[in-house]
PDB file of N, CA and C in Angstrom:
ATOM      1  N   UNK A   1    -152.283 138.687  74.170  1.00  0.00           N
ATOM      2  CA  UNK A   1    -151.205 139.042  73.287  1.00  0.00           C
ATOM      3  C   UNK A   1    -151.721 139.431  71.896  1.00  0.00           C
ATOM      4  N   UNK A   2    -152.876 138.900  71.493  1.00  0.00           N
ATOM      5  CA  UNK A   2    -153.424 139.198  70.170  1.00  0.00           C
ATOM      6  C   UNK A   2    -153.632 140.697  69.966  1.00  0.00           C
ATOM      7  N   UNK A   3    -154.180 141.359  70.988  1.00  0.00           N
ATOM      8  CA  UNK A   3    -154.431 142.801  70.871  1.00  0.00           C
ATOM      9  C   UNK A   3    -153.136 143.579  70.678  1.00  0.00           C
ATOM     10  N   UNK A   4    -152.108 143.200  71.410  1.00  0.00           N
ATOM     11  CA  UNK A   4    -150.817 143.867  71.290  1.00  0.00           C
ATOM     12  C   UNK A   4    -150.260 143.708  69.879  1.00  0.00           C
ATOM     13  N   UNK A   5    -150.298 142.491  69.359  1.00  0.00           N
ATOM     14  CA  UNK A   5    -149.774 142.225  68.014  1.00  0.00           C
ATOM     15  C   UNK A   5    -150.579 142.985  66.960  1.00  0.00           C
ATOM     16  N   UNK A   6    -151.887 143.029  67.126  1.00  0.00           N
ATOM     17  CA  UNK A   6    -152.741 143.741  66.170  1.00  0.00           C
ATOM     18  C   UNK A   6    -152.383 145.228  66.122  1.00  0.00           C
ATOM     19  N   UNK A   7    -152.169 145.839  67.269  1.00  0.00           N
ATOM     20  CA  UNK A   7    -151.808 147.261  67.314  1.00  0.00           C
ATOM     21  C   UNK A   7    -150.421 147.481  66.712  1.00  0.00           C
ATOM     22  N   UNK A   8    -149.480 146.634  67.070  1.00  0.00           N
ATOM     23  CA  UNK A   8    -148.124 146.790  66.549  1.00  0.00           C
ATOM     24  C   UNK A   8    -148.089 146.576  65.037  1.00  0.00           C
ATOM     25  N   UNK A   9    -148.830 145.597  64.564  1.00  0.00           N
ATOM     26  CA  UNK A   9    -148.890 145.329  63.128  1.00  0.00           C
ATOM     27  C   UNK A   9    -149.516 146.520  62.389  1.00  0.00           C
ATOM     28  N   UNK A  10    -150.561 147.086  62.978  1.00  0.00           N
ATOM     29  CA  UNK A  10    -151.225 148.229  62.344  1.00  0.00           C
ATOM     30  C   UNK A  10    -150.283 149.420  62.209  1.00  0.00           C
ATOM     31  N   UNK A  11    -149.376 149.571  63.157  1.00  0.00           N
ATOM     32  CA  UNK A  11    -148.454 150.710  63.118  1.00  0.00           C
ATOM     33  C   UNK A  11    -147.111 150.359  62.480  1.00  0.00           C
ATOM     34  N   UNK A  12    -147.041 149.210  61.837  1.00  0.00           N
ATOM     35  CA  UNK A  12    -145.772 148.802  61.222  1.00  0.00           C
ATOM     36  C   UNK A  12    -145.611 149.314  59.802  1.00  0.00           C
ATOM     37  N   UNK A  13    -146.594 150.023  59.294  1.00  0.00           N
ATOM     38  CA  UNK A  13    -146.529 150.561  57.935  1.00  0.00           C
ATOM     39  C   UNK A  13    -146.369 152.078  57.990  1.00  0.00           C
ATOM     40  N   UNK A  14    -145.424 152.629  57.228  1.00  0.00           N
ATOM     41  CA  UNK A  14    -145.197 154.078  57.274  1.00  0.00           C
ATOM     42  C   UNK A  14    -146.434 154.905  56.911  1.00  0.00           C
ATOM     43  N   UNK A  15    -147.220 154.462  55.941  1.00  0.00           N
ATOM     44  CA  UNK A  15    -148.409 155.230  55.581  1.00  0.00           C
ATOM     45  C   UNK A  15    -149.458 155.209  56.683  1.00  0.00           C
ATOM     46  N   UNK A  16    -149.567 154.110  57.403  1.00  0.00           N
ATOM     47  CA  UNK A  16    -150.517 154.068  58.513  1.00  0.00           C
ATOM     48  C   UNK A  16    -150.059 154.980  59.647  1.00  0.00           C
ATOM     49  N   UNK A  17    -148.774 155.057  59.883  1.00  0.00           N
ATOM     50  CA  UNK A  17    -148.267 155.989  60.898  1.00  0.00           C
ATOM     51  C   UNK A  17    -148.553 157.431  60.467  1.00  0.00           C
ATOM     52  N   UNK A  18    -148.371 157.720  59.193  1.00  0.00           N
ATOM     53  CA  UNK A  18    -148.675 159.066  58.689  1.00  0.00           C
ATOM     54  C   UNK A  18    -150.157 159.386  58.847  1.00  0.00           C
ATOM     55  N   UNK A  19    -151.013 158.403  58.595  1.00  0.00           N
ATOM     56  CA  UNK A  19    -152.451 158.619  58.782  1.00  0.00           C
ATOM     57  C   UNK A  19    -152.743 158.961  60.238  1.00  0.00           C
ATOM     58  N   UNK A  20    -152.149 158.233  61.161  1.00  0.00           N
ATOM     59  CA  UNK A  20    -152.344 158.523  62.585  1.00  0.00           C
ATOM     60  C   UNK A  20    -151.868 159.937  62.902  1.00  0.00           C
ATOM     61  N   UNK A  21    -150.722 160.302  62.402  1.00  0.00           N
ATOM     62  CA  UNK A  21    -150.204 161.653  62.672  1.00  0.00           C
ATOM     63  C   UNK A  21    -151.138 162.719  62.103  1.00  0.00           C
ATOM     64  N   UNK A  22    -151.704 162.494  60.916  1.00  0.00           N
ATOM     65  CA  UNK A  22    -152.640 163.461  60.344  1.00  0.00           C
ATOM     66  C   UNK A  22    -153.911 163.551  61.174  1.00  0.00           C
ATOM     67  N   UNK A  23    -154.409 162.393  61.616  1.00  0.00           N
ATOM     68  CA  UNK A  23    -155.642 162.383  62.392  1.00  0.00           C
ATOM     69  C   UNK A  23    -155.461 162.979  63.783  1.00  0.00           C
ATOM     70  N   UNK A  24    -154.227 163.142  64.219  1.00  0.00           N
ATOM     71  CA  UNK A  24    -153.985 163.872  65.470  1.00  0.00           C
ATOM     72  C   UNK A  24    -154.330 165.348  65.303  1.00  0.00           C
ATOM     73  N   UNK A  25    -154.328 165.811  64.064  1.00  0.00           N
ATOM     74  CA  UNK A  25    -154.552 167.232  63.797  1.00  0.00           C
ATOM     75  C   UNK A  25    -155.972 167.558  63.357  1.00  0.00           C
ATOM     76  N   UNK A  26    -156.633 166.599  62.664  1.00  0.00           N
ATOM     77  CA  UNK A  26    -158.012 166.853  62.254  1.00  0.00           C
ATOM     78  C   UNK A  26    -158.673 165.559  61.784  1.00  0.00           C
ATOM     79  N   UNK A  27    -160.000 165.571  61.827  1.00  0.00           N
ATOM     80  CA  UNK A  27    -160.778 164.473  61.254  1.00  0.00           C
ATOM     81  C   UNK A  27    -160.639 164.580  59.743  1.00  0.00           C
ATOM     82  N   UNK A  28    -160.568 163.419  59.092  1.00  0.00           N
ATOM     83  CA  UNK A  28    -160.371 163.443  57.648  1.00  0.00           C
ATOM     84  C   UNK A  28    -161.206 162.367  56.967  1.00  0.00           C
ATOM     85  N   UNK A  29    -161.577 162.637  55.717  1.00  0.00           N
ATOM     86  CA  UNK A  29    -162.247 161.627  54.909  1.00  0.00           C
ATOM     87  C   UNK A  29    -161.190 160.921  54.058  1.00  0.00           C
ATOM     88  N   UNK A  30    -161.603 159.848  53.404  1.00  0.00           N
ATOM     89  CA  UNK A  30    -160.670 159.064  52.597  1.00  0.00           C
ATOM     90  C   UNK A  30    -160.036 159.917  51.499  1.00  0.00           C
ATOM     91  N   UNK A  31    -160.828 160.766  50.847  1.00  0.00           N
ATOM     92  CA  UNK A  31    -160.275 161.559  49.742  1.00  0.00           C
ATOM     93  C   UNK A  31    -159.198 162.534  50.232  1.00  0.00           C
ATOM     94  N   UNK A  32    -159.353 163.067  51.441  1.00  0.00           N
ATOM     95  CA  UNK A  32    -158.342 163.969  51.988  1.00  0.00           C
ATOM     96  C   UNK A  32    -157.058 163.208  52.319  1.00  0.00           C
ATOM     97  N   UNK A  33    -157.206 162.020  52.899  1.00  0.00           N
ATOM     98  CA  UNK A  33    -156.037 161.200  53.218  1.00  0.00           C
ATOM     99  C   UNK A  33    -155.335 160.787  51.937  1.00  0.00           C
ATOM    100  N   UNK A  34    -156.109 160.420  50.937  1.00  0.00           N
ATOM    101  CA  UNK A  34    -155.550 160.040  49.643  1.00  0.00           C
ATOM    102  C   UNK A  34    -154.758 161.196  49.034  1.00  0.00           C
ATOM    103  N   UNK A  35    -155.303 162.388  49.092  1.00  0.00           N
ATOM    104  CA  UNK A  35    -154.612 163.556  48.539  1.00  0.00           C
ATOM    105  C   UNK A  35    -153.324 163.862  49.304  1.00  0.00           C
ATOM    106  N   UNK A  36    -153.368 163.711  50.611  1.00  0.00           N
ATOM    107  CA  UNK A  36    -152.185 164.002  51.431  1.00  0.00           C
ATOM    108  C   UNK A  36    -151.062 163.006  51.176  1.00  0.00           C
ATOM    109  N   UNK A  37    -151.409 161.731  51.064  1.00  0.00           N
ATOM    110  CA  UNK A  37    -150.391 160.688  50.916  1.00  0.00           C
ATOM    111  C   UNK A  37    -150.054 160.368  49.467  1.00  0.00           C
ATOM    112  N   UNK A  38    -150.924 160.829  48.551  1.00  0.00           N
ATOM    113  CA  UNK A  38    -150.728 160.554  47.119  1.00  0.00           C
ATOM    114  C   UNK A  38    -150.669 159.048  46.846  1.00  0.00           C
ATOM    115  N   UNK A  39    -151.650 158.339  47.398  1.00  0.00           N
ATOM    116  CA  UNK A  39    -151.783 156.904  47.150  1.00  0.00           C
ATOM    117  C   UNK A  39    -153.221 156.629  46.722  1.00  0.00           C
ATOM    118  N   UNK A  40    -153.454 155.462  46.161  1.00  0.00           N
ATOM    119  CA  UNK A  40    -154.765 155.103  45.628  1.00  0.00           C
ATOM    120  C   UNK A  40    -155.813 154.969  46.732  1.00  0.00           C
ATOM    121  N   UNK A  41    -157.062 155.253  46.372  1.00  0.00           N
ATOM    122  CA  UNK A  41    -158.166 155.169  47.329  1.00  0.00           C
ATOM    123  C   UNK A  41    -158.308 153.780  47.942  1.00  0.00           C
ATOM    124  N   UNK A  42    -158.232 152.689  47.149  1.00  0.00           N
ATOM    125  CA  UNK A  42    -158.333 151.374  47.788  1.00  0.00           C
ATOM    126  C   UNK A  42    -157.227 151.117  48.813  1.00  0.00           C
ATOM    127  N   UNK A  43    -156.046 151.650  48.558  1.00  0.00           N
ATOM    128  CA  UNK A  43    -154.930 151.486  49.494  1.00  0.00           C
ATOM    129  C   UNK A  43    -155.215 152.243  50.789  1.00  0.00           C
ATOM    130  N   UNK A  44    -155.743 153.456  50.674  1.00  0.00           N
ATOM    131  CA  UNK A  44    -156.114 154.225  51.866  1.00  0.00           C
ATOM    132  C   UNK A  44    -157.162 153.454  52.665  1.00  0.00           C
ATOM    133  N   UNK A  45    -158.151 152.915  51.981  1.00  0.00           N
ATOM    134  CA  UNK A  45    -159.209 152.174  52.662  1.00  0.00           C
ATOM    135  C   UNK A  45    -158.659 150.951  53.395  1.00  0.00           C
ATOM    136  N   UNK A  46    -157.714 150.250  52.791  1.00  0.00           N
ATOM    137  CA  UNK A  46    -157.098 149.090  53.446  1.00  0.00           C
ATOM    138  C   UNK A  46    -156.327 149.510  54.693  1.00  0.00           C
ATOM    139  N   UNK A  47    -155.596 150.626  54.582  1.00  0.00           N
ATOM    140  CA  UNK A  47    -154.863 151.124  55.748  1.00  0.00           C
ATOM    141  C   UNK A  47    -155.826 151.510  56.868  1.00  0.00           C
ATOM    142  N   UNK A  48    -156.902 152.200  56.519  1.00  0.00           N
ATOM    143  CA  UNK A  48    -157.875 152.602  57.531  1.00  0.00           C
ATOM    144  C   UNK A  48    -158.539 151.393  58.178  1.00  0.00           C
ATOM    145  N   UNK A  49    -158.806 150.360  57.403  1.00  0.00           N
ATOM    146  CA  UNK A  49    -159.405 149.137  57.949  1.00  0.00           C
ATOM    147  C   UNK A  49    -158.455 148.482  58.958  1.00  0.00           C
ATOM    148  N   UNK A  50    -157.168 148.428  58.640  1.00  0.00           N
ATOM    149  CA  UNK A  50    -156.185 147.859  59.575  1.00  0.00           C
ATOM    150  C   UNK A  50    -156.129 148.676  60.859  1.00  0.00           C
ATOM    151  N   UNK A  51    -156.155 150.006  60.740  1.00  0.00           N
ATOM    152  CA  UNK A  51    -156.128 150.873  61.915  1.00  0.00           C
ATOM    153  C   UNK A  51    -157.422 150.749  62.719  1.00  0.00           C
ATOM    154  N   UNK A  52    -158.543 150.597  62.027  1.00  0.00           N
ATOM    155  CA  UNK A  52    -159.824 150.414  62.704  1.00  0.00           C
ATOM    156  C   UNK A  52    -159.860 149.079  63.451  1.00  0.00           C
ATOM    157  N   UNK A  53    -159.406 148.013  62.798  1.00  0.00           N
ATOM    158  CA  UNK A  53    -159.387 146.689  63.434  1.00  0.00           C
ATOM    159  C   UNK A  53    -158.511 146.665  64.686  1.00  0.00           C
ATOM    160  N   UNK A  54    -157.485 147.507  64.701  1.00  0.00           N
ATOM    161  CA  UNK A  54    -156.586 147.576  65.853  1.00  0.00           C
ATOM    162  C   UNK A  54    -157.119 148.517  66.939  1.00  0.00           C
ATOM    163  N   UNK A  55    -158.248 149.163  66.680  1.00  0.00           N
ATOM    164  CA  UNK A  55    -158.820 150.067  67.667  1.00  0.00           C
ATOM    165  C   UNK A  55    -158.155 151.429  67.721  1.00  0.00           C
ATOM    166  N   UNK A  56    -157.461 151.788  66.644  1.00  0.00           N
ATOM    167  CA  UNK A  56    -156.732 153.062  66.614  1.00  0.00           C
ATOM    168  C   UNK A  56    -157.586 154.172  66.023  1.00  0.00           C
ATOM    169  N   UNK A  57    -158.362 153.854  64.998  1.00  0.00           N
ATOM    170  CA  UNK A  57    -159.247 154.852  64.390  1.00  0.00           C
ATOM    171  C   UNK A  57    -160.680 154.338  64.413  1.00  0.00           C
ATOM    172  N   UNK A  58    -161.587 155.282  64.328  1.00  0.00           N
ATOM    173  CA  UNK A  58    -162.991 154.973  64.144  1.00  0.00           C
ATOM    174  C   UNK A  58    -163.562 156.038  63.224  1.00  0.00           C
ATOM    175  N   UNK A  59    -164.782 155.864  62.822  1.00  0.00           N
ATOM    176  CA  UNK A  59    -165.372 156.815  61.895  1.00  0.00           C
ATOM    177  C   UNK A  59    -166.795 157.125  62.299  1.00  0.00           C
ATOM    178  N   UNK A  60    -167.288 158.248  61.777  1.00  0.00           N
ATOM    179  CA  UNK A  60    -168.691 158.585  61.896  1.00  0.00           C
ATOM    180  C   UNK A  60    -169.130 159.165  60.563  1.00  0.00           C
ATOM    181  N   UNK A  61    -170.417 159.075  60.326  1.00  0.00           N
ATOM    182  CA  UNK A  61    -170.970 159.570  59.069  1.00  0.00           C
ATOM    183  C   UNK A  61    -171.609 160.921  59.298  1.00  0.00           C
ATOM    184  N   UNK A  62    -171.398 161.786  58.318  1.00  0.00           N
ATOM    185  CA  UNK A  62    -171.991 163.119  58.328  1.00  0.00           C
ATOM    186  C   UNK A  62    -172.557 163.346  56.928  1.00  0.00           C
ATOM    187  N   UNK A  63    -173.784 162.946  56.733  1.00  0.00           N
ATOM    188  CA  UNK A  63    -174.361 163.008  55.393  1.00  0.00           C
ATOM    189  C   UNK A  63    -173.629 162.040  54.478  1.00  0.00           C
ATOM    190  N   UNK A  64    -173.074 162.578  53.403  1.00  0.00           N
ATOM    191  CA  UNK A  64    -172.325 161.751  52.457  1.00  0.00           C
ATOM    192  C   UNK A  64    -170.897 161.471  52.923  1.00  0.00           C
ATOM    193  N   UNK A  65    -170.423 162.226  53.891  1.00  0.00           N
ATOM    194  CA  UNK A  65    -169.034 162.116  54.325  1.00  0.00           C
ATOM    195  C   UNK A  65    -168.861 161.045  55.391  1.00  0.00           C
ATOM    196  N   UNK A  66    -167.749 160.345  55.306  1.00  0.00           N
ATOM    197  CA  UNK A  66    -167.330 159.423  56.354  1.00  0.00           C
ATOM    198  C   UNK A  66    -166.061 160.028  56.943  1.00  0.00           C
ATOM    199  N   UNK A  67    -166.131 160.444  58.178  1.00  0.00           N
ATOM    200  CA  UNK A  67    -165.023 161.133  58.836  1.00  0.00           C
ATOM    201  C   UNK A  67    -164.272 160.184  59.754  1.00  0.00           C
ATOM    202  N   UNK A  68    -162.980 160.057  59.522  1.00  0.00           N
ATOM    203  CA  UNK A  68    -162.131 159.204  60.354  1.00  0.00           C
ATOM    204  C   UNK A  68    -161.446 160.051  61.413  1.00  0.00           C
ATOM    205  N   UNK A  69    -161.308 159.473  62.594  1.00  0.00           N
ATOM    206  CA  UNK A  69    -160.637 160.154  63.702  1.00  0.00           C
ATOM    207  C   UNK A  69    -160.024 159.103  64.608  1.00  0.00           C
ATOM    208  N   UNK A  70    -159.108 159.532  65.449  1.00  0.00           N
ATOM    209  CA  UNK A  70    -158.469 158.622  66.397  1.00  0.00           C
ATOM    210  C   UNK A  70    -159.437 158.262  67.515  1.00  0.00           C
ATOM    211  N   UNK A  71    -159.302 157.050  68.014  1.00  0.00           N
ATOM    212  CA  UNK A  71    -160.098 156.643  69.169  1.00  0.00           C
ATOM    213  C   UNK A  71    -159.492 157.263  70.430  1.00  0.00           C
ATOM    214  N   UNK A  72    -160.182 157.107  71.519  1.00  0.00           N
ATOM    215  CA  UNK A  72    -159.621 157.580  72.792  1.00  0.00           C
ATOM    216  C   UNK A  72    -158.737 156.519  73.436  1.00  0.00           C
ATOM    217  N   UNK A  73    -158.661 155.331  72.811  1.00  0.00           N
ATOM    218  CA  UNK A  73    -157.792 154.278  73.327  1.00  0.00           C
ATOM    219  C   UNK A  73    -158.359 153.530  74.510  1.00  0.00           C
ATOM    220  N   UNK A  74    -159.603 153.797  74.849  1.00  0.00           N
ATOM    221  CA  UNK A  74    -160.167 153.187  76.060  1.00  0.00           C
ATOM    222  C   UNK A  74    -160.396 151.683  75.945  1.00  0.00           C
ATOM    223  N   UNK A  75    -160.420 151.151  74.744  1.00  0.00           N
ATOM    224  CA  UNK A  75    -160.647 149.711  74.577  1.00  0.00           C
ATOM    225  C   UNK A  75    -159.374 148.880  74.669  1.00  0.00           C
ATOM    226  N   UNK A  76    -158.223 149.537  74.658  1.00  0.00           N
ATOM    227  CA  UNK A  76    -156.961 148.784  74.693  1.00  0.00           C
ATOM    228  C   UNK A  76    -155.870 149.613  75.358  1.00  0.00           C
ATOM    229  N   UNK A  77    -155.209 149.061  76.351  1.00  0.00           N
ATOM    230  CA  UNK A  77    -154.108 149.802  76.967  1.00  0.00           C
ATOM    231  C   UNK A  77    -152.950 150.009  75.982  1.00  0.00           C
ATOM    232  N   UNK A  78    -152.799 149.095  75.027  1.00  0.00           N
ATOM    233  CA  UNK A  78    -151.728 149.221  74.030  1.00  0.00           C
ATOM    234  C   UNK A  78    -152.019 150.383  73.088  1.00  0.00           C
ATOM    235  N   UNK A  79    -153.256 150.474  72.654  1.00  0.00           N
ATOM    236  CA  UNK A  79    -153.648 151.587  71.784  1.00  0.00           C
ATOM    237  C   UNK A  79    -153.495 152.911  72.519  1.00  0.00           C
ATOM    238  N   UNK A  80    -153.991 152.968  73.737  1.00  0.00           N
ATOM    239  CA  UNK A  80    -153.914 154.206  74.519  1.00  0.00           C
ATOM    240  C   UNK A  80    -152.472 154.643  74.707  1.00  0.00           C
ATOM    241  N   UNK A  81    -151.613 153.720  75.052  1.00  0.00           N
ATOM    242  CA  UNK A  81    -150.213 154.050  75.296  1.00  0.00           C
ATOM    243  C   UNK A  81    -149.522 154.526  74.022  1.00  0.00           C
ATOM    244  N   UNK A  82    -149.724 153.802  72.937  1.00  0.00           N
ATOM    245  CA  UNK A  82    -149.059 154.182  71.689  1.00  0.00           C
ATOM    246  C   UNK A  82    -149.594 155.498  71.135  1.00  0.00           C
ATOM    247  N   UNK A  83    -150.902 155.711  71.210  1.00  0.00           N
ATOM    248  CA  UNK A  83    -151.443 156.987  70.743  1.00  0.00           C
ATOM    249  C   UNK A  83    -150.912 158.139  71.585  1.00  0.00           C
ATOM    250  N   UNK A  84    -150.810 157.924  72.888  1.00  0.00           N
ATOM    251  CA  UNK A  84    -150.253 158.961  73.752  1.00  0.00           C
ATOM    252  C   UNK A  84    -148.812 159.292  73.395  1.00  0.00           C
ATOM    253  N   UNK A  85    -148.018 158.265  73.151  1.00  0.00           N
ATOM    254  CA  UNK A  85    -146.616 158.495  72.790  1.00  0.00           C
ATOM    255  C   UNK A  85    -146.472 159.083  71.392  1.00  0.00           C
ATOM    256  N   UNK A  86    -147.298 158.627  70.448  1.00  0.00           N
ATOM    257  CA  UNK A  86    -147.195 159.137  69.079  1.00  0.00           C
ATOM    258  C   UNK A  86    -147.501 160.624  68.995  1.00  0.00           C
ATOM    259  N   UNK A  87    -148.202 161.146  69.987  1.00  0.00           N
ATOM    260  CA  UNK A  87    -148.460 162.587  70.013  1.00  0.00           C
ATOM    261  C   UNK A  87    -147.146 163.362  70.012  1.00  0.00           C
ATOM    262  N   UNK A  88    -146.135 162.818  70.660  1.00  0.00           N
ATOM    263  CA  UNK A  88    -144.857 163.507  70.811  1.00  0.00           C
ATOM    264  C   UNK A  88    -143.793 163.002  69.836  1.00  0.00           C
ATOM    265  N   UNK A  89    -144.038 161.875  69.228  1.00  0.00           N
ATOM    266  CA  UNK A  89    -143.045 161.273  68.340  1.00  0.00           C
ATOM    267  C   UNK A  89    -143.243 161.724  66.899  1.00  0.00           C
ATOM    268  N   UNK A  90    -142.146 161.790  66.178  1.00  0.00           N
ATOM    269  CA  UNK A  90    -142.104 161.955  64.721  1.00  0.00           C
ATOM    270  C   UNK A  90    -142.510 163.326  64.196  1.00  0.00           C
ATOM    271  N   UNK A  91    -142.784 164.285  65.054  1.00  0.00           N
ATOM    272  CA  UNK A  91    -143.172 165.613  64.579  1.00  0.00           C
ATOM    273  C   UNK A  91    -142.075 166.261  63.733  1.00  0.00           C
ATOM    274  N   UNK A  92    -140.818 165.941  64.017  1.00  0.00           N
ATOM    275  CA  UNK A  92    -139.709 166.529  63.271  1.00  0.00           C
ATOM    276  C   UNK A  92    -139.266 165.669  62.095  1.00  0.00           C
ATOM    277  N   UNK A  93    -139.880 164.517  61.911  1.00  0.00           N
ATOM    278  CA  UNK A  93    -139.581 163.656  60.771  1.00  0.00           C
ATOM    279  C   UNK A  93    -139.997 164.411  59.506  1.00  0.00           C
ATOM    280  N   UNK A  94    -139.070 164.611  58.552  1.00  0.00           N
ATOM    281  CA  UNK A  94    -139.372 165.449  57.384  1.00  0.00           C
ATOM    282  C   UNK A  94    -140.658 165.081  56.633  1.00  0.00           C
ATOM    283  N   UNK A  95    -140.895 163.811  56.389  1.00  0.00           N
ATOM    284  CA  UNK A  95    -142.110 163.414  55.660  1.00  0.00           C
ATOM    285  C   UNK A  95    -143.363 163.761  56.449  1.00  0.00           C
ATOM    286  N   UNK A  96    -143.337 163.510  57.727  1.00  0.00           N
ATOM    287  CA  UNK A  96    -144.491 163.800  58.580  1.00  0.00           C
ATOM    288  C   UNK A  96    -144.687 165.306  58.688  1.00  0.00           C
ATOM    289  N   UNK A  97    -143.624 166.042  58.915  1.00  0.00           N
ATOM    290  CA  UNK A  97    -143.712 167.498  59.054  1.00  0.00           C
ATOM    291  C   UNK A  97    -144.276 168.140  57.789  1.00  0.00           C
ATOM    292  N   UNK A  98    -143.887 167.643  56.637  1.00  0.00           N
ATOM    293  CA  UNK A  98    -144.385 168.189  55.370  1.00  0.00           C
ATOM    294  C   UNK A  98    -145.877 167.930  55.204  1.00  0.00           C
ATOM    295  N   UNK A  99    -146.308 166.746  55.527  1.00  0.00           N
ATOM    296  CA  UNK A  99    -147.738 166.426  55.421  1.00  0.00           C
ATOM    297  C   UNK A  99    -148.542 167.282  56.394  1.00  0.00           C
ATOM    298  N   UNK A 100    -148.060 167.407  57.612  1.00  0.00           N
ATOM    299  CA  UNK A 100    -148.770 168.207  58.622  1.00  0.00           C
ATOM    300  C   UNK A 100    -148.841 169.669  58.188  1.00  0.00           C
ATOM    301  N   UNK A 101    -147.778 170.151  57.595  1.00  0.00           N
ATOM    302  CA  UNK A 101    -147.757 171.534  57.105  1.00  0.00           C
ATOM    303  C   UNK A 101    -148.823 171.758  56.032  1.00  0.00           C
ATOM    304  N   UNK A 102    -149.078 170.763  55.194  1.00  0.00           N
ATOM    305  CA  UNK A 102    -150.035 170.886  54.094  1.00  0.00           C
ATOM    306  C   UNK A 102    -151.479 170.646  54.512  1.00  0.00           C
ATOM    307  N   UNK A 103    -151.700 170.083  55.682  1.00  0.00           N
ATOM    308  CA  UNK A 103    -153.063 169.709  56.095  1.00  0.00           C
ATOM    309  C   UNK A 103    -154.101 170.823  55.971  1.00  0.00           C
ATOM    310  N   UNK A 104    -153.802 172.059  56.381  1.00  0.00           N
ATOM    311  CA  UNK A 104    -154.840 173.093  56.272  1.00  0.00           C
ATOM    312  C   UNK A 104    -155.317 173.338  54.839  1.00  0.00           C
ATOM    313  N   UNK A 105    -154.471 173.063  53.857  1.00  0.00           N
ATOM    314  CA  UNK A 105    -154.866 173.308  52.469  1.00  0.00           C
ATOM    315  C   UNK A 105    -155.530 172.099  51.818  1.00  0.00           C
ATOM    316  N   UNK A 106    -155.592 170.987  52.520  1.00  0.00           N
ATOM    317  CA  UNK A 106    -156.246 169.785  51.986  1.00  0.00           C
ATOM    318  C   UNK A 106    -157.675 169.773  52.487  1.00  0.00           C
ATOM    319  N   UNK A 107    -158.584 170.117  51.566  1.00  0.00           N
ATOM    320  CA  UNK A 107    -159.996 170.251  51.928  1.00  0.00           C
ATOM    321  C   UNK A 107    -160.850 169.397  51.013  1.00  0.00           C
ATOM    322  N   UNK A 108    -161.727 168.618  51.595  1.00  0.00           N
ATOM    323  CA  UNK A 108    -162.583 167.716  50.811  1.00  0.00           C
ATOM    324  C   UNK A 108    -163.405 168.458  49.775  1.00  0.00           C
ATOM    325  N   UNK A 109    -163.830 169.673  50.093  1.00  0.00           N
ATOM    326  CA  UNK A 109    -164.625 170.450  49.151  1.00  0.00           C
ATOM    327  C   UNK A 109    -163.858 170.746  47.869  1.00  0.00           C
ATOM    328  N   UNK A 110    -162.571 170.977  48.003  1.00  0.00           N
ATOM    329  CA  UNK A 110    -161.717 171.232  46.839  1.00  0.00           C
ATOM    330  C   UNK A 110    -161.415 169.947  46.064  1.00  0.00           C
ATOM    331  N   UNK A 111    -161.283 168.847  46.777  1.00  0.00           N
ATOM    332  CA  UNK A 111    -160.884 167.579  46.163  1.00  0.00           C
ATOM    333  C   UNK A 111    -162.081 166.934  45.459  1.00  0.00           C
ATOM    334  N   UNK A 112    -163.192 166.858  46.156  1.00  0.00           N
ATOM    335  CA  UNK A 112    -164.355 166.134  45.630  1.00  0.00           C
ATOM    336  C   UNK A 112    -165.379 167.054  44.970  1.00  0.00           C
ATOM    337  N   UNK A 113    -165.227 168.343  45.196  1.00  0.00           N
ATOM    338  CA  UNK A 113    -166.136 169.300  44.574  1.00  0.00           C
ATOM    339  C   UNK A 113    -167.571 169.217  45.074  1.00  0.00           C
ATOM    340  N   UNK A 114    -167.767 168.734  46.278  1.00  0.00           N
ATOM    341  CA  UNK A 114    -169.116 168.611  46.829  1.00  0.00           C
ATOM    342  C   UNK A 114    -169.356 169.643  47.889  1.00  0.00           C
TER     343      UNK A 114
END
């Protein structure tokens, strides 16, 4: 039951759900997520840690960049099921649709200047 609660708790915050929806479209670094959600960097990091602990996101390093992406859900049937369903859910939600619409223009090179 612990795994189920961890996944449900991770998805109980609107910003974490938005992060999942964004990561369905592309890998992102913290600065890109911060720019999209207009929240502080430490807050983004806390959200990503909760999603990582629940097995929803993982990251890889590419030089100086840390790229976050969704897991394949293979470690948890709860994660796999919810990620599969979230693919179809909330696309028409105005806040989510607006963020998704802006994603192509949110580029780490523009934000961080690196």
